[in-house]
Amino acid sequence: MVKITIVGRVMDGLPLAQGPRYVNEENCSSFLCYKQQGEFILKEISRGALIPSKMTIRIDHHSLNYLIGNGVCFMALCDSSYPRKLVFHYLQDLQKEFEKFDNGVVGKITRPYSFVKFDGVIGSIRKQYIDTRTQDNLSKLNANREKELEIVTENISEILQRKRNSEISERLPATTPEPASPIWGSPLLEVIALKWTPITAIVAVAAILLWASLVLKDDFII
């Protein structure tokens, strides 16, 4: 059963419309939690952290499924036992209906969930997917049964961990190379080097010549 539906704009992560609530009042806190997680996923999509155009995200005993098309994200939270194939048929139906609206009007929306015209559309389409045993839904399930949906699946915990790691990396200062010791770059060291390098070279040459002469002398003596 589809419990939460969110339609959002990929460009800025703004939620445009939502379906009616289908969570019991006693689970109000759970509803808000799942809704916030859906909005979080929408933001992650908008900043490019989630690349796949289709995805299933496991959240507790539920699955959050999304489909992206023409810059719009269609998202549905369902029980984990609900057929994933039907969920994506539901999202595709939402996409087809959404494309009937003027893109110019949709692009001007600035407040979250203010595209209320589409809320009714969500409710109408959702009713068609409540009972998975209807002839229409069974036909959708049985069509191309040999071909499984190629959809990336992740746990919400993995996505949250990547988000935390990204935030930690952004807060860390950029590493800079350690400056060279001021002693080795000092003018005084340059003066000493210029003064003593020739003398050292002369002394080294003289020592080599002296050693060579002693060796030759010893050879003659032998």
N, C-alpha and C. Protein backbone atom coordinates (compact mmCIF):
# COMPACT_ATOMS: atom_id res chain seq x y z
N MET A 1 0.84 -1.20 0.00
CA MET A 1 0.00 0.00 0.00
C MET A 1 0.87 1.25 0.00
N VAL A 2 0.54 2.19 -0.87
CA VAL A 2 1.26 3.46 -0.92
C VAL A 2 0.79 4.34 0.24
N LYS A 3 1.72 4.74 1.11
CA LYS A 3 1.36 5.53 2.28
C LYS A 3 1.68 7.01 2.13
N ILE A 4 2.77 7.31 1.47
CA ILE A 4 3.19 8.70 1.29
C ILE A 4 3.63 8.89 -0.16
N THR A 5 3.19 9.97 -0.77
CA THR A 5 3.62 10.33 -2.12
C THR A 5 4.12 11.76 -2.10
N ILE A 6 5.28 11.98 -2.70
CA ILE A 6 5.84 13.32 -2.81
C ILE A 6 6.29 13.54 -4.26
N VAL A 7 5.92 14.66 -4.80
CA VAL A 7 6.38 15.07 -6.13
C VAL A 7 7.22 16.32 -5.94
N GLY A 8 8.46 16.27 -6.40
CA GLY A 8 9.36 17.40 -6.16
C GLY A 8 10.17 17.80 -7.37
N ARG A 9 10.69 18.99 -7.33
CA ARG A 9 11.50 19.54 -8.42
C ARG A 9 12.96 19.19 -8.17
N VAL A 10 13.60 18.59 -9.16
CA VAL A 10 14.98 18.13 -9.00
C VAL A 10 15.95 19.30 -8.92
N MET A 11 15.68 20.36 -9.65
CA MET A 11 16.61 21.48 -9.75
C MET A 11 16.98 22.04 -8.38
N ASP A 12 16.00 22.24 -7.52
CA ASP A 12 16.25 22.84 -6.22
C ASP A 12 15.75 22.01 -5.04
N GLY A 13 15.21 20.82 -5.32
CA GLY A 13 14.74 19.96 -4.24
C GLY A 13 13.47 20.44 -3.57
N LEU A 14 12.69 21.27 -4.26
CA LEU A 14 11.46 21.79 -3.67
C LEU A 14 10.32 20.79 -3.84
N PRO A 15 9.68 20.35 -2.75
CA PRO A 15 8.51 19.47 -2.87
C PRO A 15 7.32 20.27 -3.39
N LEU A 16 6.71 19.80 -4.47
CA LEU A 16 5.64 20.54 -5.12
C LEU A 16 4.26 20.08 -4.68
N ALA A 17 4.07 18.77 -4.55
CA ALA A 17 2.75 18.23 -4.22
C ALA A 17 2.91 16.96 -3.40
N GLN A 18 1.84 16.60 -2.73
CA GLN A 18 1.84 15.37 -1.93
C GLN A 18 0.44 14.75 -1.97
N GLY A 19 0.40 13.47 -1.81
CA GLY A 19 -0.89 12.80 -1.78
C GLY A 19 -1.54 12.91 -0.42
N PRO A 20 -2.80 12.47 -0.30
CA PRO A 20 -3.49 12.46 1.00
C PRO A 20 -2.76 11.56 1.99
N ARG A 21 -2.97 11.80 3.27
CA ARG A 21 -2.34 10.99 4.31
C ARG A 21 -3.04 9.64 4.42
N TYR A 22 -2.23 8.60 4.54
CA TYR A 22 -2.78 7.25 4.71
C TYR A 22 -2.08 6.55 5.87
N VAL A 23 -1.76 7.35 6.88
CA VAL A 23 -1.14 6.81 8.08
C VAL A 23 -2.07 7.10 9.25
N ASN A 24 -2.24 6.13 10.13
CA ASN A 24 -3.12 6.30 11.28
C ASN A 24 -2.66 7.47 12.15
N GLU A 25 -3.62 8.10 12.79
CA GLU A 25 -3.31 9.26 13.62
C GLU A 25 -2.33 8.90 14.73
N GLU A 26 -2.44 7.67 15.28
CA GLU A 26 -1.53 7.30 16.36
C GLU A 26 -0.10 7.16 15.88
N ASN A 27 0.08 7.04 14.55
CA ASN A 27 1.42 6.96 13.98
C ASN A 27 1.83 8.28 13.35
N CYS A 28 1.32 9.36 13.90
CA CYS A 28 1.59 10.69 13.35
C CYS A 28 3.08 10.98 13.34
N SER A 29 3.79 10.62 14.41
CA SER A 29 5.22 10.88 14.48
C SER A 29 5.96 10.09 13.41
N SER A 30 5.51 8.86 13.16
CA SER A 30 6.14 8.04 12.11
C SER A 30 5.91 8.65 10.74
N PHE A 31 4.69 9.15 10.52
CA PHE A 31 4.38 9.80 9.24
C PHE A 31 5.31 10.98 9.00
N LEU A 32 5.48 11.83 10.02
CA LEU A 32 6.34 13.00 9.87
C LEU A 32 7.79 12.58 9.63
N CYS A 33 8.21 11.53 10.32
CA CYS A 33 9.58 11.04 10.15
C CYS A 33 9.82 10.55 8.73
N TYR A 34 8.89 9.75 8.20
CA TYR A 34 9.03 9.23 6.84
C TYR A 34 8.96 10.36 5.81
N LYS A 35 8.10 11.32 6.08
CA LYS A 35 7.97 12.46 5.17
C LYS A 35 9.28 13.26 5.14
N GLN A 36 9.86 13.48 6.31
CA GLN A 36 11.13 14.22 6.38
C GLN A 36 12.25 13.46 5.67
N GLN A 37 12.23 12.14 5.80
CA GLN A 37 13.24 11.35 5.10
C GLN A 37 13.05 11.42 3.59
N GLY A 38 11.80 11.46 3.14
CA GLY A 38 11.53 11.64 1.72
C GLY A 38 12.03 12.99 1.23
N GLU A 39 11.82 14.03 2.02
CA GLU A 39 12.29 15.36 1.65
C GLU A 39 13.82 15.41 1.66
N PHE A 40 14.43 14.69 2.58
CA PHE A 40 15.90 14.61 2.63
C PHE A 40 16.43 13.94 1.35
N ILE A 41 15.80 12.85 0.94
CA ILE A 41 16.23 12.17 -0.29
C ILE A 41 16.08 13.09 -1.49
N LEU A 42 15.01 13.86 -1.52
CA LEU A 42 14.79 14.81 -2.61
C LEU A 42 15.92 15.84 -2.66
N LYS A 43 16.36 16.31 -1.51
CA LYS A 43 17.47 17.27 -1.46
C LYS A 43 18.78 16.62 -1.92
N GLU A 44 18.98 15.36 -1.53
CA GLU A 44 20.19 14.66 -1.95
C GLU A 44 20.21 14.48 -3.47
N ILE A 45 19.04 14.23 -4.04
CA ILE A 45 18.95 14.11 -5.50
C ILE A 45 19.28 15.45 -6.16
N SER A 46 18.77 16.53 -5.59
CA SER A 46 18.97 17.85 -6.19
C SER A 46 20.43 18.29 -6.16
N ARG A 47 21.18 17.84 -5.14
CA ARG A 47 22.60 18.23 -5.07
C ARG A 47 23.52 17.22 -5.75
N GLY A 48 22.92 16.21 -6.38
CA GLY A 48 23.70 15.25 -7.16
C GLY A 48 24.31 14.12 -6.37
N ALA A 49 23.89 13.95 -5.10
CA ALA A 49 24.44 12.87 -4.28
C ALA A 49 23.85 11.52 -4.64
N LEU A 50 22.65 11.52 -5.23
CA LEU A 50 22.02 10.29 -5.69
C LEU A 50 21.81 10.41 -7.20
N ILE A 51 22.53 9.59 -7.95
CA ILE A 51 22.56 9.72 -9.40
C ILE A 51 21.49 8.91 -10.12
N PRO A 52 21.14 7.68 -9.66
CA PRO A 52 20.20 6.85 -10.44
C PRO A 52 18.86 7.55 -10.67
N SER A 53 18.29 7.32 -11.86
CA SER A 53 16.98 7.91 -12.17
C SER A 53 15.84 7.10 -11.54
N LYS A 54 16.15 5.85 -11.15
CA LYS A 54 15.19 5.01 -10.43
C LYS A 54 15.92 4.40 -9.24
N MET A 55 15.24 4.35 -8.10
CA MET A 55 15.91 3.81 -6.92
C MET A 55 14.91 3.36 -5.88
N THR A 56 15.30 2.35 -5.11
CA THR A 56 14.53 1.89 -3.97
C THR A 56 15.40 2.03 -2.73
N ILE A 57 14.87 2.68 -1.71
CA ILE A 57 15.61 2.91 -0.47
C ILE A 57 14.85 2.24 0.67
N ARG A 58 15.53 1.36 1.36
CA ARG A 58 14.91 0.64 2.47
C ARG A 58 14.92 1.51 3.72
N ILE A 59 13.73 1.67 4.33
CA ILE A 59 13.59 2.43 5.57
C ILE A 59 12.76 1.59 6.53
N ASP A 60 13.40 1.03 7.53
CA ASP A 60 12.70 0.15 8.49
C ASP A 60 12.00 -0.97 7.72
N HIS A 61 10.67 -1.07 7.89
CA HIS A 61 9.90 -2.11 7.20
C HIS A 61 9.19 -1.54 5.98
N HIS A 62 9.72 -0.46 5.46
CA HIS A 62 9.12 0.20 4.30
C HIS A 62 10.16 0.36 3.20
N SER A 63 9.69 0.74 2.04
CA SER A 63 10.59 1.06 0.93
C SER A 63 10.17 2.40 0.34
N LEU A 64 11.17 3.25 0.14
CA LEU A 64 10.94 4.54 -0.51
C LEU A 64 11.45 4.42 -1.94
N ASN A 65 10.53 4.55 -2.89
CA ASN A 65 10.87 4.38 -4.30
C ASN A 65 10.72 5.72 -5.03
N TYR A 66 11.66 6.00 -5.91
CA TYR A 66 11.52 7.25 -6.67
C TYR A 66 11.84 7.02 -8.14
N LEU A 67 11.26 7.90 -8.94
CA LEU A 67 11.44 7.90 -10.39
C LEU A 67 11.63 9.34 -10.83
N ILE A 68 12.65 9.60 -11.64
CA ILE A 68 12.95 10.96 -12.10
C ILE A 68 12.68 11.05 -13.59
N GLY A 69 11.99 12.12 -13.98
CA GLY A 69 11.72 12.35 -15.39
C GLY A 69 11.46 13.82 -15.67
N ASN A 70 12.14 14.37 -16.66
CA ASN A 70 11.95 15.78 -17.07
C ASN A 70 12.11 16.75 -15.91
N GLY A 71 13.12 16.49 -15.08
CA GLY A 71 13.43 17.42 -13.99
C GLY A 71 12.50 17.33 -12.80
N VAL A 72 11.68 16.29 -12.75
CA VAL A 72 10.73 16.13 -11.64
C VAL A 72 10.93 14.75 -11.02
N CYS A 73 10.87 14.68 -9.69
CA CYS A 73 11.03 13.41 -8.98
C CYS A 73 9.68 12.98 -8.41
N PHE A 74 9.30 11.75 -8.68
CA PHE A 74 8.06 11.18 -8.18
C PHE A 74 8.43 10.09 -7.17
N MET A 75 7.95 10.25 -5.95
CA MET A 75 8.40 9.42 -4.85
C MET A 75 7.23 8.81 -4.10
N ALA A 76 7.37 7.54 -3.70
CA ALA A 76 6.29 6.85 -2.98
C ALA A 76 6.88 5.97 -1.89
N LEU A 77 6.32 6.08 -0.70
CA LEU A 77 6.68 5.20 0.42
C LEU A 77 5.63 4.11 0.55
N CYS A 78 6.08 2.86 0.58
CA CYS A 78 5.16 1.72 0.65
C CYS A 78 5.63 0.75 1.72
N ASP A 79 4.73 -0.17 2.06
CA ASP A 79 5.15 -1.32 2.86
C ASP A 79 6.16 -2.12 2.05
N SER A 80 7.12 -2.72 2.74
CA SER A 80 8.15 -3.48 2.03
C SER A 80 7.57 -4.68 1.28
N SER A 81 6.38 -5.14 1.69
CA SER A 81 5.76 -6.29 1.03
C SER A 81 5.00 -5.91 -0.24
N TYR A 82 4.79 -4.62 -0.46
CA TYR A 82 4.06 -4.18 -1.65
C TYR A 82 4.93 -4.42 -2.89
N PRO A 83 4.35 -4.97 -3.96
CA PRO A 83 5.15 -5.28 -5.16
C PRO A 83 5.84 -4.05 -5.75
N ARG A 84 7.13 -4.13 -5.87
CA ARG A 84 7.88 -2.98 -6.39
C ARG A 84 7.50 -2.65 -7.82
N LYS A 85 7.16 -3.68 -8.57
CA LYS A 85 6.76 -3.45 -9.96
C LYS A 85 5.53 -2.55 -10.04
N LEU A 86 4.58 -2.76 -9.13
CA LEU A 86 3.38 -1.92 -9.12
C LEU A 86 3.70 -0.50 -8.68
N VAL A 87 4.63 -0.38 -7.75
CA VAL A 87 5.01 0.96 -7.26
C VAL A 87 5.50 1.81 -8.43
N PHE A 88 6.34 1.23 -9.27
CA PHE A 88 6.90 2.01 -10.37
C PHE A 88 5.88 2.24 -11.49
N HIS A 89 4.92 1.35 -11.62
CA HIS A 89 3.80 1.64 -12.52
C HIS A 89 3.02 2.85 -11.99
N TYR A 90 2.82 2.89 -10.69
CA TYR A 90 2.13 4.02 -10.05
C TYR A 90 2.89 5.32 -10.29
N LEU A 91 4.20 5.29 -10.11
CA LEU A 91 5.01 6.49 -10.32
C LEU A 91 5.00 6.91 -11.79
N GLN A 92 5.00 5.95 -12.69
CA GLN A 92 4.94 6.28 -14.13
C GLN A 92 3.61 6.91 -14.49
N ASP A 93 2.53 6.43 -13.87
CA ASP A 93 1.22 7.05 -14.12
C ASP A 93 1.19 8.49 -13.62
N LEU A 94 1.81 8.72 -12.47
CA LEU A 94 1.89 10.09 -11.95
C LEU A 94 2.69 10.98 -12.90
N GLN A 95 3.77 10.45 -13.43
CA GLN A 95 4.59 11.22 -14.36
C GLN A 95 3.81 11.60 -15.61
N LYS A 96 3.04 10.66 -16.16
CA LYS A 96 2.25 10.94 -17.36
C LYS A 96 1.23 12.05 -17.11
N GLU A 97 0.58 12.00 -15.95
CA GLU A 97 -0.42 13.03 -15.62
C GLU A 97 0.24 14.37 -15.36
N PHE A 98 1.40 14.34 -14.74
CA PHE A 98 2.11 15.59 -14.41
C PHE A 98 2.55 16.32 -15.68
N GLU A 99 2.92 15.55 -16.70
CA GLU A 99 3.40 16.15 -17.95
C GLU A 99 2.29 16.87 -18.71
N LYS A 100 1.04 16.69 -18.29
CA LYS A 100 -0.07 17.40 -18.94
C LYS A 100 -0.17 18.85 -18.48
N PHE A 101 0.52 19.18 -17.38
CA PHE A 101 0.48 20.55 -16.86
C PHE A 101 1.55 21.40 -17.54
N ASP A 102 1.31 22.68 -17.53
CA ASP A 102 2.22 23.64 -18.15
C ASP A 102 3.52 23.73 -17.34
N ASN A 103 4.65 23.52 -18.01
CA ASN A 103 5.94 23.59 -17.32
C ASN A 103 6.22 24.99 -16.78
N GLY A 104 5.70 26.00 -17.49
CA GLY A 104 5.92 27.37 -17.04
C GLY A 104 5.29 27.64 -15.69
N VAL A 105 4.11 27.10 -15.48
CA VAL A 105 3.41 27.28 -14.20
C VAL A 105 4.15 26.54 -13.09
N VAL A 106 4.57 25.32 -13.39
CA VAL A 106 5.29 24.52 -12.40
C VAL A 106 6.61 25.19 -12.01
N GLY A 107 7.29 25.78 -12.98
CA GLY A 107 8.57 26.41 -12.71
C GLY A 107 8.47 27.64 -11.84
N LYS A 108 7.30 28.24 -11.75
CA LYS A 108 7.12 29.46 -10.95
C LYS A 108 6.77 29.17 -9.49
N ILE A 109 6.56 27.90 -9.15
CA ILE A 109 6.19 27.56 -7.76
C ILE A 109 7.39 27.81 -6.85
N THR A 110 7.14 28.50 -5.74
CA THR A 110 8.21 28.84 -4.80
C THR A 110 7.97 28.31 -3.39
N ARG A 111 6.73 27.94 -3.07
CA ARG A 111 6.44 27.44 -1.72
C ARG A 111 6.26 25.93 -1.73
N PRO A 112 6.75 25.24 -0.70
CA PRO A 112 6.62 23.78 -0.65
C PRO A 112 5.16 23.33 -0.66
N TYR A 113 4.88 22.30 -1.41
CA TYR A 113 3.56 21.66 -1.47
C TYR A 113 2.43 22.62 -1.85
N SER A 114 2.75 23.61 -2.66
CA SER A 114 1.73 24.58 -3.05
C SER A 114 1.07 24.25 -4.39
N PHE A 115 1.50 23.18 -5.04
CA PHE A 115 0.88 22.77 -6.30
C PHE A 115 -0.28 21.83 -5.96
N VAL A 116 -1.30 22.40 -5.34
CA VAL A 116 -2.41 21.60 -4.79
C VAL A 116 -3.27 20.97 -5.89
N LYS A 117 -3.19 21.50 -7.08
CA LYS A 117 -3.97 20.91 -8.18
C LYS A 117 -3.59 19.46 -8.42
N PHE A 118 -2.36 19.15 -8.15
CA PHE A 118 -1.91 17.80 -8.42
C PHE A 118 -2.19 16.85 -7.25
N ASP A 119 -2.50 17.38 -6.09
CA ASP A 119 -2.82 16.52 -4.94
C ASP A 119 -4.00 15.61 -5.25
N GLY A 120 -5.02 16.17 -5.90
CA GLY A 120 -6.19 15.36 -6.25
C GLY A 120 -5.86 14.28 -7.26
N VAL A 121 -4.95 14.59 -8.19
CA VAL A 121 -4.53 13.60 -9.18
C VAL A 121 -3.83 12.44 -8.49
N ILE A 122 -2.99 12.77 -7.52
CA ILE A 122 -2.28 11.72 -6.77
C ILE A 122 -3.28 10.81 -6.07
N GLY A 123 -4.28 11.41 -5.43
CA GLY A 123 -5.28 10.61 -4.73
C GLY A 123 -6.06 9.69 -5.66
N SER A 124 -6.42 10.19 -6.83
CA SER A 124 -7.20 9.38 -7.79
C SER A 124 -6.38 8.20 -8.32
N ILE A 125 -5.12 8.46 -8.67
CA ILE A 125 -4.29 7.38 -9.21
C ILE A 125 -3.95 6.37 -8.12
N ARG A 126 -3.75 6.85 -6.92
CA ARG A 126 -3.39 5.94 -5.83
C ARG A 126 -4.50 4.91 -5.58
N LYS A 127 -5.76 5.33 -5.71
CA LYS A 127 -6.88 4.41 -5.47
C LYS A 127 -6.83 3.20 -6.39
N GLN A 128 -6.26 3.39 -7.58
CA GLN A 128 -6.18 2.29 -8.54
C GLN A 128 -5.16 1.22 -8.11
N TYR A 129 -4.30 1.58 -7.15
CA TYR A 129 -3.22 0.66 -6.75
C TYR A 129 -3.38 0.15 -5.32
N ILE A 130 -4.51 0.42 -4.68
CA ILE A 130 -4.71 -0.07 -3.31
C ILE A 130 -4.82 -1.60 -3.30
N ASP A 131 -5.65 -2.13 -4.19
CA ASP A 131 -5.85 -3.57 -4.27
C ASP A 131 -4.94 -4.15 -5.35
N THR A 132 -3.96 -4.92 -4.94
CA THR A 132 -3.01 -5.48 -5.91
C THR A 132 -3.60 -6.63 -6.72
N ARG A 133 -4.82 -7.09 -6.35
CA ARG A 133 -5.41 -8.26 -7.01
C ARG A 133 -6.42 -7.91 -8.09
N THR A 134 -6.58 -6.63 -8.39
CA THR A 134 -7.49 -6.28 -9.48
C THR A 134 -6.92 -6.79 -10.80
N GLN A 135 -7.79 -6.96 -11.77
CA GLN A 135 -7.36 -7.51 -13.06
C GLN A 135 -6.29 -6.64 -13.70
N ASP A 136 -6.49 -5.34 -13.59
CA ASP A 136 -5.53 -4.41 -14.19
C ASP A 136 -4.16 -4.54 -13.54
N ASN A 137 -4.14 -4.59 -12.20
CA ASN A 137 -2.86 -4.69 -11.49
C ASN A 137 -2.20 -6.05 -11.70
N LEU A 138 -3.00 -7.10 -11.76
CA LEU A 138 -2.44 -8.43 -12.02
C LEU A 138 -1.81 -8.49 -13.41
N SER A 139 -2.44 -7.81 -14.35
CA SER A 139 -1.88 -7.77 -15.71
C SER A 139 -0.52 -7.05 -15.71
N LYS A 140 -0.42 -5.99 -14.92
CA LYS A 140 0.84 -5.25 -14.84
C LYS A 140 1.93 -6.10 -14.19
N LEU A 141 1.52 -6.87 -13.18
CA LEU A 141 2.49 -7.72 -12.49
C LEU A 141 2.97 -8.86 -13.37
N ASN A 142 2.07 -9.39 -14.17
CA ASN A 142 2.40 -10.57 -14.99
C ASN A 142 3.08 -10.21 -16.31
N ALA A 143 2.99 -8.95 -16.70
CA ALA A 143 3.60 -8.53 -17.97
C ALA A 143 5.12 -8.57 -17.85
N ASN A 144 5.77 -9.18 -18.82
CA ASN A 144 7.23 -9.27 -18.85
C ASN A 144 7.81 -9.80 -17.54
N ARG A 145 7.21 -10.88 -17.06
CA ARG A 145 7.65 -11.43 -15.78
C ARG A 145 9.10 -11.92 -15.83
N GLU A 146 9.54 -12.30 -17.00
CA GLU A 146 10.91 -12.81 -17.12
C GLU A 146 11.94 -11.68 -17.02
N LYS A 147 11.47 -10.45 -17.18
CA LYS A 147 12.38 -9.31 -17.13
C LYS A 147 12.23 -8.60 -15.80
N GLU A 148 13.23 -8.70 -14.97
CA GLU A 148 13.18 -8.05 -13.66
C GLU A 148 13.55 -6.57 -13.80
N LEU A 149 13.02 -5.79 -12.87
CA LEU A 149 13.34 -4.37 -12.86
C LEU A 149 14.80 -4.18 -12.43
N GLU A 150 15.54 -3.44 -13.23
CA GLU A 150 16.92 -3.14 -12.88
C GLU A 150 16.96 -1.81 -12.13
N ILE A 151 16.83 -1.92 -10.83
CA ILE A 151 16.73 -0.73 -9.99
C ILE A 151 17.73 -0.83 -8.84
N VAL A 152 18.48 0.23 -8.64
CA VAL A 152 19.45 0.28 -7.55
C VAL A 152 18.70 0.30 -6.22
N THR A 153 19.20 -0.48 -5.26
CA THR A 153 18.59 -0.56 -3.93
C THR A 153 19.63 -0.26 -2.87
N GLU A 154 19.28 0.61 -1.91
CA GLU A 154 20.18 0.95 -0.82
C GLU A 154 19.39 1.09 0.47
N ASN A 155 20.11 1.06 1.59
CA ASN A 155 19.51 1.33 2.89
C ASN A 155 19.66 2.81 3.20
N ILE A 156 18.69 3.35 3.91
CA ILE A 156 18.74 4.77 4.26
C ILE A 156 19.96 5.07 5.12
N SER A 157 20.39 4.08 5.93
CA SER A 157 21.56 4.28 6.80
C SER A 157 22.82 4.54 5.98
N GLU A 158 22.96 3.89 4.83
CA GLU A 158 24.13 4.08 3.99
C GLU A 158 24.15 5.50 3.40
N ILE A 159 22.99 5.98 3.02
CA ILE A 159 22.90 7.33 2.45
C ILE A 159 23.18 8.38 3.52
N LEU A 160 22.65 8.16 4.72
CA LEU A 160 22.90 9.10 5.83
C LEU A 160 24.37 9.12 6.20
N GLN A 161 25.03 7.96 6.18
CA GLN A 161 26.45 7.91 6.53
C GLN A 161 27.28 8.67 5.50
N ARG A 162 26.95 8.53 4.22
CA ARG A 162 27.67 9.28 3.19
C ARG A 162 27.47 10.78 3.37
N LYS A 163 26.28 11.16 3.76
CA LYS A 163 26.00 12.58 4.00
C LYS A 163 26.84 13.10 5.15
N ARG A 164 26.94 12.33 6.24
CA ARG A 164 27.75 12.75 7.38
C ARG A 164 29.23 12.84 7.00
N ASN A 165 29.72 11.87 6.25
CA ASN A 165 31.11 11.90 5.82
C ASN A 165 31.39 13.12 4.94
N SER A 166 30.43 13.45 4.08
CA SER A 166 30.59 14.62 3.22
C SER A 166 30.65 15.91 4.03
N GLU A 167 29.80 16.01 5.04
CA GLU A 167 29.80 17.21 5.89
C GLU A 167 31.08 17.33 6.68
N ILE A 168 31.62 16.19 7.16
CA ILE A 168 32.88 16.22 7.91
C ILE A 168 34.02 16.67 7.01
N SER A 169 34.03 16.15 5.78
CA SER A 169 35.08 16.53 4.83
C SER A 169 35.03 18.02 4.50
N GLU A 170 33.83 18.56 4.40
CA GLU A 170 33.68 19.98 4.07
C GLU A 170 34.16 20.87 5.21
N ARG A 171 34.04 20.37 6.47
CA ARG A 171 34.45 21.18 7.62
C ARG A 171 35.95 21.13 7.86
N LEU A 172 36.64 20.09 7.38
CA LEU A 172 38.08 19.97 7.59
C LEU A 172 38.81 21.04 6.79
N PRO A 173 39.83 21.68 7.39
CA PRO A 173 40.60 22.69 6.65
C PRO A 173 41.41 22.04 5.55
N ALA A 174 41.59 22.77 4.49
CA ALA A 174 42.38 22.26 3.36
C ALA A 174 43.83 22.10 3.78
N THR A 175 44.45 20.99 3.43
CA THR A 175 45.84 20.74 3.79
C THR A 175 46.76 21.59 2.93
N THR A 176 47.75 22.23 3.58
CA THR A 176 48.72 23.06 2.87
C THR A 176 50.11 22.51 3.13
N PRO A 177 51.00 22.59 2.15
CA PRO A 177 52.36 22.09 2.37
C PRO A 177 53.07 22.84 3.47
N GLU A 178 53.87 22.13 4.28
CA GLU A 178 54.60 22.76 5.38
C GLU A 178 55.66 23.70 4.80
N PRO A 179 55.78 24.90 5.37
CA PRO A 179 56.77 25.85 4.86
C PRO A 179 58.19 25.36 5.13
N ALA A 180 59.08 25.68 4.23
CA ALA A 180 60.48 25.31 4.41
C ALA A 180 61.06 26.03 5.60
N SER A 181 62.07 25.43 6.21
CA SER A 181 62.70 26.04 7.38
C SER A 181 63.29 27.39 7.00
N PRO A 182 63.06 28.43 7.82
CA PRO A 182 63.59 29.76 7.50
C PRO A 182 65.11 29.80 7.50
N ILE A 183 65.75 28.81 8.18
CA ILE A 183 67.21 28.81 8.24
C ILE A 183 67.81 28.60 6.86
N TRP A 184 67.20 27.62 6.12
CA TRP A 184 67.76 27.27 4.81
C TRP A 184 67.48 28.31 3.75
N GLY A 185 66.56 29.19 4.00
CA GLY A 185 66.28 30.23 3.02
C GLY A 185 66.79 31.59 3.45
N SER A 186 67.64 31.63 4.49
CA SER A 186 68.09 32.91 5.02
C SER A 186 69.20 33.50 4.18
N PRO A 187 69.30 34.82 4.09
CA PRO A 187 70.38 35.47 3.34
C PRO A 187 71.76 35.15 3.91
N LEU A 188 71.83 34.99 5.26
CA LEU A 188 73.11 34.69 5.90
C LEU A 188 73.69 33.37 5.39
N LEU A 189 72.80 32.35 5.24
CA LEU A 189 73.25 31.06 4.75
C LEU A 189 73.75 31.17 3.31
N GLU A 190 73.11 32.01 2.51
CA GLU A 190 73.56 32.20 1.13
C GLU A 190 74.96 32.81 1.09
N VAL A 191 75.22 33.78 1.99
CA VAL A 191 76.55 34.42 2.03
C VAL A 191 77.61 33.41 2.43
N ILE A 192 77.28 32.59 3.45
CA ILE A 192 78.24 31.58 3.90
C ILE A 192 78.53 30.58 2.78
N ALA A 193 77.50 30.19 2.07
CA ALA A 193 77.68 29.21 1.00
C ALA A 193 78.56 29.78 -0.10
N LEU A 194 78.33 31.04 -0.48
CA LEU A 194 79.12 31.66 -1.53
C LEU A 194 80.58 31.81 -1.11
N LYS A 195 80.80 32.06 0.17
CA LYS A 195 82.17 32.30 0.66
C LYS A 195 82.96 31.01 0.81
N TRP A 196 82.33 29.99 1.35
CA TRP A 196 83.07 28.78 1.73
C TRP A 196 83.02 27.66 0.70
N THR A 197 82.10 27.71 -0.22
CA THR A 197 82.04 26.63 -1.20
C THR A 197 83.31 26.54 -2.05
N PRO A 198 83.84 27.68 -2.59
CA PRO A 198 85.10 27.58 -3.36
C PRO A 198 86.26 27.08 -2.52
N ILE A 199 86.36 27.57 -1.26
CA ILE A 199 87.46 27.16 -0.39
C ILE A 199 87.39 25.66 -0.12
N THR A 200 86.18 25.20 0.13
CA THR A 200 86.02 23.77 0.39
C THR A 200 86.42 22.95 -0.82
N ALA A 201 86.08 23.43 -2.01
CA ALA A 201 86.43 22.71 -3.23
C ALA A 201 87.95 22.66 -3.41
N ILE A 202 88.66 23.78 -3.12
CA ILE A 202 90.12 23.82 -3.26
C ILE A 202 90.79 22.86 -2.29
N VAL A 203 90.30 22.87 -1.05
CA VAL A 203 90.87 21.98 -0.03
C VAL A 203 90.67 20.52 -0.44
N ALA A 204 89.50 20.20 -0.98
CA ALA A 204 89.22 18.83 -1.40
C ALA A 204 90.14 18.40 -2.52
N VAL A 205 90.38 19.30 -3.50
CA VAL A 205 91.27 18.98 -4.62
C VAL A 205 92.71 18.78 -4.13
N ALA A 206 93.13 19.66 -3.22
CA ALA A 206 94.50 19.55 -2.68
C ALA A 206 94.68 18.25 -1.94
N ALA A 207 93.66 17.83 -1.18
CA ALA A 207 93.77 16.57 -0.43
C ALA A 207 93.88 15.39 -1.37
N ILE A 208 93.14 15.43 -2.48
CA ILE A 208 93.20 14.34 -3.45
C ILE A 208 94.58 14.27 -4.10
N LEU A 209 95.15 15.44 -4.47
CA LEU A 209 96.47 15.48 -5.10
C LEU A 209 97.54 14.98 -4.14
N LEU A 210 97.43 15.37 -2.85
CA LEU A 210 98.40 14.92 -1.86
C LEU A 210 98.34 13.41 -1.68
N TRP A 211 97.16 12.90 -1.66
CA TRP A 211 97.00 11.44 -1.50
C TRP A 211 97.57 10.70 -2.71
N ALA A 212 97.33 11.24 -3.87
CA ALA A 212 97.82 10.61 -5.08
C ALA A 212 99.35 10.61 -5.12
N SER A 213 99.97 11.75 -4.70
CA SER A 213 101.44 11.83 -4.70
C SER A 213 102.05 10.85 -3.73
N LEU A 214 101.42 10.66 -2.57
CA LEU A 214 101.92 9.72 -1.58
C LEU A 214 101.84 8.29 -2.09
N VAL A 215 100.76 7.97 -2.78
CA VAL A 215 100.61 6.64 -3.34
C VAL A 215 101.68 6.35 -4.36
N LEU A 216 101.94 7.34 -5.25
CA LEU A 216 102.96 7.17 -6.27
C LEU A 216 104.33 7.02 -5.66
N LYS A 217 104.63 7.80 -4.60
CA LYS A 217 105.92 7.74 -3.93
C LYS A 217 106.16 6.37 -3.33
N ASP A 218 105.10 5.81 -2.73
CA ASP A 218 105.21 4.50 -2.15
C ASP A 218 105.49 3.44 -3.21
N ASP A 219 104.88 3.62 -4.38
CA ASP A 219 105.10 2.68 -5.48
C ASP A 219 106.56 2.68 -5.93
N PHE A 220 107.13 3.89 -5.99
CA PHE A 220 108.52 4.00 -6.41
C PHE A 220 109.45 3.38 -5.39
N ILE A 221 109.16 3.55 -4.12
CA ILE A 221 109.99 3.01 -3.05
C ILE A 221 109.98 1.50 -3.12
N ILE A 222 108.84 0.90 -3.35
CA ILE A 222 108.75 -0.55 -3.45
C ILE A 222 109.52 -1.04 -4.66
